[in-house]
Protein backbone atom coordinates (compact mmCIF):
# COMPACT_ATOMS: atom_id res chain seq x y z
CA MET A 1 0.00 0.00 0.00
CA GLU A 2 1.43 3.32 -1.06
CA MET A 3 1.00 6.25 1.28
CA GLN A 4 -0.22 9.52 -0.14
CA PRO A 5 1.71 12.74 0.61
CA ARG A 6 -0.85 13.94 3.17
CA ASP A 7 -0.54 10.62 5.07
CA ILE A 8 3.26 10.75 4.93
CA ILE A 9 3.31 14.29 6.29
CA ASN A 10 0.72 13.60 9.01
CA THR A 11 2.44 10.44 10.25
CA CYS A 12 6.02 11.70 10.14
CA SER A 13 5.20 15.16 11.49
CA THR A 14 3.35 13.72 14.46
CA HIS A 15 6.28 11.49 15.41
CA TYR A 16 8.81 14.26 14.78
CA LYS A 17 6.93 16.65 17.04
CA THR A 18 6.57 14.03 19.77
CA TRP A 19 10.31 13.32 19.88
CA LYS A 20 11.25 16.99 19.55
CA ASP A 21 9.05 17.79 22.54
CA GLU A 22 10.64 14.96 24.51
CA ALA A 23 14.08 16.34 23.66
CA LEU A 24 13.09 19.78 24.93
CA LYS A 25 11.92 18.24 28.21
CA ALA A 26 14.97 15.99 28.60
CA GLU A 27 16.85 16.32 31.84
CA THR A 28 20.24 15.17 30.58
CA ARG A 29 22.25 15.84 27.48
CA GLU A 30 22.32 12.09 26.77
CA GLU A 31 18.51 11.88 26.80
CA MET A 32 18.23 14.98 24.64
CA LYS A 33 20.59 13.48 22.05
CA LYS A 34 18.63 10.21 22.00
CA PHE A 35 15.31 12.00 21.50
CA LEU A 36 16.70 14.35 18.85
CA ASN A 37 18.06 11.38 16.89
CA LYS A 38 14.56 9.92 16.85
CA ALA A 39 13.04 13.25 15.82
CA PHE A 40 15.52 13.68 12.98
CA PHE A 41 14.84 10.11 11.83
CA TRP A 42 11.20 11.05 11.26
CA LEU A 43 12.13 14.28 9.50
CA GLU A 44 14.51 12.42 7.18
CA LEU A 45 11.95 9.67 6.58
CA GLN A 46 9.31 12.23 5.59
CA ASN A 47 11.70 13.86 3.14
CA ASN A 48 12.72 10.52 1.60
CA LEU A 49 9.17 9.22 1.26
CA LEU A 50 7.89 12.45 -0.31
CA MET A 51 10.79 12.54 -2.73
CA LEU A 52 10.24 8.91 -3.77
CA TRP A 53 6.50 9.48 -4.14
CA THR A 54 7.11 12.53 -6.33
CA ILE A 55 9.66 10.80 -8.55
CA GLU A 56 7.50 7.70 -8.89
CA ASN A 57 4.44 9.74 -9.83
CA THR A 58 6.22 12.01 -12.29
CA MET A 59 8.84 9.75 -13.90
CA GLY A 60 7.84 6.26 -12.77
CA ASN A 61 7.12 4.94 -16.27
CA ASP A 62 10.83 4.77 -17.14
CA THR A 63 12.26 1.29 -16.42
CA LYS A 64 15.60 2.62 -15.17
CA ILE A 65 13.85 5.09 -12.89
CA LYS A 66 11.61 2.31 -11.53
CA GLU A 67 14.70 0.24 -10.67
CA LYS A 68 16.29 3.17 -8.88
CA ILE A 69 13.05 3.85 -6.98
CA GLU A 70 12.90 0.21 -5.87
CA LYS A 71 16.50 0.34 -4.63
CA ALA A 72 15.80 3.58 -2.78
CA GLN A 73 12.66 2.09 -1.22
CA LEU A 74 14.71 -0.88 -0.03
CA ASN A 75 17.14 1.54 1.63
CA VAL A 76 14.25 3.38 3.30
CA ASN A 77 12.80 0.06 4.49
CA LYS A 78 16.18 -0.90 5.96
CA LYS A 79 16.35 2.42 7.84
CA ILE A 80 12.86 1.82 9.21
CA ALA A 81 13.82 -1.70 10.31
CA ASP A 82 16.99 -0.38 11.97
CA TYR A 83 14.95 2.29 13.76
CA ALA A 84 12.41 -0.28 14.96
CA SER A 85 15.23 -2.51 16.19
CA GLN A 86 16.72 0.38 18.16
CA VAL A 87 13.35 1.24 19.68
CA LEU A 88 12.96 -2.37 20.83
CA LYS A 89 16.44 -2.29 22.39
CA ASP A 90 15.56 0.95 24.19
CA LEU A 91 12.35 -0.57 25.51
CA LYS A 92 14.19 -3.63 26.84
CA GLN A 93 16.71 -1.40 28.64
CA SER A 94 14.08 0.72 30.37
């Protein structure tokens, strides 16, 4: 299922704001850094997903472009999996 730009922005912005707010409330520099990393992940993810959506919907008929989009989507999926793995580690530690 492909997300539409409005869904991408709503989802990523919500998570970005949540982690940014947590960073602003953090009591230690270490906590702030951890929360900011999560916030920036969501900002970067939003940018990547919107860029891929735009390219796919404007130039997606070209076979070479489709291949590049698929490779980029695999990279995005790997980043999401790495993020989820880190969140699970953090939950186990707390």
